[in-house]
């Protein structure tokens, strides 16, 4: 089931970190970038972030974004803006950056 525009808008409001967050539609879902680095997405009205060493400390549940994909961490407390900011920045720090 594709993610709803309302859920996407809610998540983007919650992720008001700065102008560094961008969102791109992809086959009914939404990819999320921080400073042009893909860190996660919205899949079936769930906020999922890539699994990296630096975000393991948040003890998030692993879920598949779609069949055949790699597991990602599901952010269950999307109402906590401060925690969301920490998770996004921690995920970003653990990802390789393009030169």
N, C-alpha and C. Protein backbone atom coordinates (compact mmCIF):
# COMPACT_ATOMS: atom_id res chain seq x y z
N UNK A 1 0.84 -1.17 0.00
CA UNK A 1 0.00 0.00 0.00
C UNK A 1 0.90 1.24 0.00
N UNK A 2 0.66 2.17 -0.91
CA UNK A 2 1.49 3.39 -0.95
C UNK A 2 1.27 4.24 0.31
N UNK A 3 2.28 5.02 0.62
CA UNK A 3 2.18 5.93 1.76
C UNK A 3 1.30 7.12 1.39
N UNK A 4 0.60 7.65 2.39
CA UNK A 4 -0.30 8.78 2.13
C UNK A 4 0.48 10.09 2.14
N UNK A 5 -0.03 11.06 1.40
CA UNK A 5 0.56 12.39 1.38
C UNK A 5 0.47 13.02 2.77
N UNK A 6 -0.63 12.77 3.48
CA UNK A 6 -0.79 13.33 4.83
C UNK A 6 0.30 12.82 5.77
N UNK A 7 0.60 11.52 5.70
CA UNK A 7 1.65 10.97 6.57
C UNK A 7 3.01 11.56 6.20
N UNK A 8 3.27 11.65 4.89
CA UNK A 8 4.53 12.24 4.43
C UNK A 8 4.66 13.67 4.94
N UNK A 9 3.60 14.46 4.81
CA UNK A 9 3.63 15.85 5.28
C UNK A 9 3.87 15.93 6.78
N UNK A 10 3.25 15.02 7.54
CA UNK A 10 3.44 14.98 8.99
C UNK A 10 4.91 14.70 9.33
N UNK A 11 5.48 13.70 8.68
CA UNK A 11 6.88 13.33 8.95
C UNK A 11 7.80 14.49 8.59
N UNK A 12 7.56 15.14 7.46
CA UNK A 12 8.41 16.27 7.08
C UNK A 12 8.29 17.42 8.08
N UNK A 13 7.12 17.63 8.62
CA UNK A 13 6.96 18.65 9.68
C UNK A 13 7.79 18.26 10.90
N UNK A 14 7.75 16.99 11.25
CA UNK A 14 8.50 16.50 12.41
C UNK A 14 10.01 16.60 12.19
N UNK A 15 10.43 16.51 10.94
CA UNK A 15 11.86 16.51 10.60
C UNK A 15 12.38 17.90 10.23
N UNK A 16 11.80 18.92 10.77
CA UNK A 16 12.23 20.28 10.47
C UNK A 16 13.60 20.56 11.08
N UNK A 17 14.60 19.85 10.60
CA UNK A 17 15.97 20.03 11.11
C UNK A 17 16.58 21.28 10.50
N UNK A 18 16.34 21.45 9.23
CA UNK A 18 16.87 22.59 8.49
C UNK A 18 16.47 22.40 7.03
N UNK A 19 17.06 23.19 6.19
CA UNK A 19 16.81 23.03 4.75
C UNK A 19 17.51 21.81 4.19
N UNK A 20 18.24 21.08 5.04
CA UNK A 20 19.02 19.94 4.57
C UNK A 20 18.19 18.69 4.32
N UNK A 21 16.92 18.66 4.75
CA UNK A 21 16.06 17.50 4.52
C UNK A 21 15.33 17.68 3.20
N UNK A 22 15.42 16.67 2.34
CA UNK A 22 14.66 16.67 1.10
C UNK A 22 13.93 15.35 0.97
N UNK A 23 12.86 15.37 0.20
CA UNK A 23 12.00 14.21 0.03
C UNK A 23 11.72 14.04 -1.46
N UNK A 24 11.87 12.82 -1.95
CA UNK A 24 11.61 12.53 -3.36
C UNK A 24 10.63 11.36 -3.46
N UNK A 25 9.57 11.53 -4.27
CA UNK A 25 8.63 10.42 -4.44
C UNK A 25 9.28 9.29 -5.24
N UNK A 26 8.91 8.05 -4.87
CA UNK A 26 9.45 6.88 -5.57
C UNK A 26 8.43 5.75 -5.51
N UNK A 27 7.72 5.54 -6.60
CA UNK A 27 6.79 4.42 -6.74
C UNK A 27 5.78 4.34 -5.59
N UNK A 28 5.16 5.45 -5.24
CA UNK A 28 4.15 5.46 -4.20
C UNK A 28 4.70 5.62 -2.80
N UNK A 29 6.01 5.66 -2.66
CA UNK A 29 6.65 5.86 -1.37
C UNK A 29 7.50 7.12 -1.46
N UNK A 30 8.28 7.41 -0.41
CA UNK A 30 9.06 8.64 -0.39
C UNK A 30 10.45 8.38 0.17
N UNK A 31 11.48 8.81 -0.57
CA UNK A 31 12.86 8.68 -0.12
C UNK A 31 13.25 9.96 0.60
N UNK A 32 13.99 9.81 1.71
CA UNK A 32 14.39 10.95 2.52
C UNK A 32 15.90 11.12 2.50
N UNK A 33 16.33 12.35 2.30
CA UNK A 33 17.75 12.69 2.22
C UNK A 33 18.08 13.76 3.24
N UNK A 34 19.27 13.65 3.82
CA UNK A 34 19.80 14.71 4.67
C UNK A 34 21.11 15.14 4.04
N UNK A 35 21.23 16.41 3.71
CA UNK A 35 22.42 16.95 3.06
C UNK A 35 22.79 16.12 1.82
N UNK A 36 21.78 15.76 1.05
CA UNK A 36 21.90 15.01 -0.21
C UNK A 36 22.33 13.55 -0.04
N UNK A 37 22.27 13.03 1.19
CA UNK A 37 22.62 11.63 1.45
C UNK A 37 21.33 10.89 1.84
N UNK A 38 21.02 9.82 1.13
CA UNK A 38 19.83 9.02 1.42
C UNK A 38 19.99 8.35 2.77
N UNK A 39 19.09 8.68 3.70
CA UNK A 39 19.18 8.07 5.03
C UNK A 39 18.00 7.18 5.36
N UNK A 40 16.91 7.28 4.60
CA UNK A 40 15.74 6.49 4.90
C UNK A 40 14.59 6.82 3.98
N UNK A 41 13.39 6.47 4.43
CA UNK A 41 12.23 6.74 3.62
C UNK A 41 10.94 6.46 4.36
N UNK A 42 9.87 6.77 3.68
CA UNK A 42 8.53 6.51 4.20
C UNK A 42 7.95 5.40 3.33
N UNK A 43 7.68 4.27 3.96
CA UNK A 43 7.18 3.08 3.27
C UNK A 43 5.94 2.58 3.99
N UNK A 44 4.83 2.48 3.28
CA UNK A 44 3.58 2.00 3.88
C UNK A 44 3.26 2.76 5.17
N UNK A 45 3.41 4.08 5.12
CA UNK A 45 3.15 4.95 6.28
C UNK A 45 3.98 4.56 7.50
N UNK A 46 5.24 4.17 7.26
CA UNK A 46 6.21 3.90 8.32
C UNK A 46 7.48 4.68 7.99
N UNK A 47 8.07 5.31 8.99
CA UNK A 47 9.35 5.97 8.81
C UNK A 47 10.45 4.96 9.07
N UNK A 48 11.26 4.68 8.06
CA UNK A 48 12.34 3.72 8.16
C UNK A 48 13.66 4.42 7.86
N UNK A 49 14.71 4.05 8.60
CA UNK A 49 16.04 4.59 8.36
C UNK A 49 17.01 3.43 8.13
N UNK A 50 18.07 3.74 7.39
CA UNK A 50 19.08 2.72 7.11
C UNK A 50 19.73 2.24 8.41
N UNK A 51 20.15 1.00 8.41
CA UNK A 51 20.84 0.42 9.56
C UNK A 51 22.33 0.71 9.43
N UNK A 52 22.85 1.43 10.42
CA UNK A 52 24.28 1.72 10.50
C UNK A 52 24.72 1.54 11.96
N UNK A 53 26.01 1.41 12.17
CA UNK A 53 26.51 1.21 13.54
C UNK A 53 26.11 2.34 14.47
N UNK A 54 26.09 3.56 13.95
CA UNK A 54 25.87 4.72 14.81
C UNK A 54 24.43 4.88 15.29
N UNK A 55 23.47 4.19 14.67
CA UNK A 55 22.08 4.32 15.15
C UNK A 55 21.56 3.06 15.84
N UNK A 56 22.41 2.09 16.04
CA UNK A 56 22.00 0.86 16.74
C UNK A 56 21.64 1.09 18.20
N UNK A 57 22.15 2.16 18.77
CA UNK A 57 21.91 2.46 20.19
C UNK A 57 20.46 2.81 20.49
N UNK A 58 19.65 3.06 19.47
CA UNK A 58 18.25 3.43 19.69
C UNK A 58 17.31 2.22 19.79
N UNK A 59 17.86 1.02 19.63
CA UNK A 59 17.08 -0.22 19.79
C UNK A 59 15.78 -0.22 19.00
N UNK A 60 15.87 0.13 17.74
CA UNK A 60 14.69 0.15 16.87
C UNK A 60 14.47 -1.22 16.25
N UNK A 61 13.25 -1.51 15.92
CA UNK A 61 12.87 -2.79 15.32
C UNK A 61 13.24 -2.78 13.84
N UNK A 62 13.77 -3.90 13.35
CA UNK A 62 14.08 -4.02 11.93
C UNK A 62 12.84 -4.43 11.16
N UNK A 63 12.65 -3.80 10.00
CA UNK A 63 11.54 -4.14 9.12
C UNK A 63 11.97 -4.01 7.67
N UNK A 64 11.28 -4.72 6.81
CA UNK A 64 11.53 -4.61 5.37
C UNK A 64 10.70 -3.47 4.80
N UNK A 65 11.31 -2.58 4.03
CA UNK A 65 10.53 -1.52 3.41
C UNK A 65 9.61 -2.06 2.31
N UNK A 66 10.09 -3.09 1.60
CA UNK A 66 9.33 -3.75 0.54
C UNK A 66 10.00 -5.09 0.27
N UNK A 67 9.30 -6.04 -0.34
CA UNK A 67 9.88 -7.37 -0.59
C UNK A 67 11.17 -7.28 -1.42
N UNK A 68 12.17 -7.99 -0.99
CA UNK A 68 13.44 -8.03 -1.70
C UNK A 68 14.44 -6.96 -1.27
N UNK A 69 14.03 -6.05 -0.40
CA UNK A 69 14.92 -4.98 0.06
C UNK A 69 15.69 -5.43 1.29
N UNK A 70 16.67 -4.64 1.68
CA UNK A 70 17.40 -4.88 2.92
C UNK A 70 16.57 -4.36 4.09
N UNK A 71 16.73 -4.99 5.25
CA UNK A 71 16.06 -4.51 6.45
C UNK A 71 16.49 -3.08 6.76
N UNK A 72 15.57 -2.35 7.37
CA UNK A 72 15.83 -1.00 7.85
C UNK A 72 15.27 -0.91 9.27
N UNK A 73 15.66 0.13 9.98
CA UNK A 73 15.09 0.37 11.30
C UNK A 73 13.81 1.19 11.17
N UNK A 74 12.77 0.77 11.92
CA UNK A 74 11.53 1.52 11.95
C UNK A 74 11.56 2.48 13.14
N UNK A 75 11.30 3.75 12.86
CA UNK A 75 11.21 4.75 13.92
C UNK A 75 9.76 4.75 14.41
N UNK A 76 9.54 4.26 15.60
CA UNK A 76 8.17 4.14 16.09
C UNK A 76 7.67 5.40 16.80
N UNK A 77 8.57 6.17 17.40
CA UNK A 77 8.17 7.37 18.13
C UNK A 77 8.35 8.60 17.24
N UNK A 78 7.47 8.74 16.25
CA UNK A 78 7.58 9.85 15.30
C UNK A 78 7.05 11.16 15.88
N UNK A 79 6.46 11.12 17.06
CA UNK A 79 5.95 12.35 17.68
C UNK A 79 7.04 13.11 18.44
N UNK A 80 8.15 12.46 18.74
CA UNK A 80 9.24 13.06 19.51
C UNK A 80 10.24 13.71 18.54
N UNK A 81 10.11 15.01 18.31
CA UNK A 81 10.96 15.71 17.34
C UNK A 81 12.44 15.64 17.71
N UNK A 82 12.75 15.77 18.98
CA UNK A 82 14.16 15.74 19.41
C UNK A 82 14.79 14.37 19.15
N UNK A 83 14.05 13.32 19.45
CA UNK A 83 14.55 11.97 19.20
C UNK A 83 14.70 11.74 17.70
N UNK A 84 13.74 12.20 16.91
CA UNK A 84 13.84 12.06 15.45
C UNK A 84 15.10 12.75 14.93
N UNK A 85 15.35 13.94 15.43
CA UNK A 85 16.54 14.68 15.00
C UNK A 85 17.79 13.88 15.34
N UNK A 86 17.87 13.34 16.54
CA UNK A 86 19.02 12.53 16.95
C UNK A 86 19.20 11.32 16.05
N UNK A 87 18.09 10.62 15.76
CA UNK A 87 18.16 9.41 14.94
C UNK A 87 18.63 9.75 13.53
N UNK A 88 18.08 10.80 12.94
CA UNK A 88 18.47 11.19 11.58
C UNK A 88 19.94 11.57 11.54
N UNK A 89 20.37 12.40 12.45
CA UNK A 89 21.78 12.83 12.45
C UNK A 89 22.71 11.65 12.73
N UNK A 90 22.33 10.76 13.62
CA UNK A 90 23.13 9.59 13.92
C UNK A 90 23.22 8.66 12.70
N UNK A 91 22.11 8.50 12.01
CA UNK A 91 22.10 7.68 10.80
C UNK A 91 22.99 8.31 9.73
N UNK A 92 22.82 9.60 9.53
CA UNK A 92 23.63 10.34 8.54
C UNK A 92 25.13 10.19 8.84
N UNK A 93 25.51 10.32 10.10
CA UNK A 93 26.92 10.22 10.48
C UNK A 93 27.50 8.85 10.15
N UNK A 94 26.68 7.81 10.17
CA UNK A 94 27.16 6.46 9.90
C UNK A 94 27.17 6.07 8.44
N UNK A 95 26.68 6.94 7.57
CA UNK A 95 26.60 6.63 6.14
C UNK A 95 27.80 7.19 5.37
N UNK A 96 28.22 6.51 4.31
CA UNK A 96 29.30 7.04 3.48
C UNK A 96 28.83 8.31 2.75
N UNK A 97 29.72 9.27 2.63
CA UNK A 97 29.41 10.54 1.94
C UNK A 97 30.06 10.54 0.57
N UNK A 98 29.34 11.08 -0.39
CA UNK A 98 29.90 11.20 -1.75
C UNK A 98 30.87 12.38 -1.77
N UNK A 99 31.92 12.23 -2.55
CA UNK A 99 32.92 13.31 -2.65
C UNK A 99 32.64 14.15 -3.86
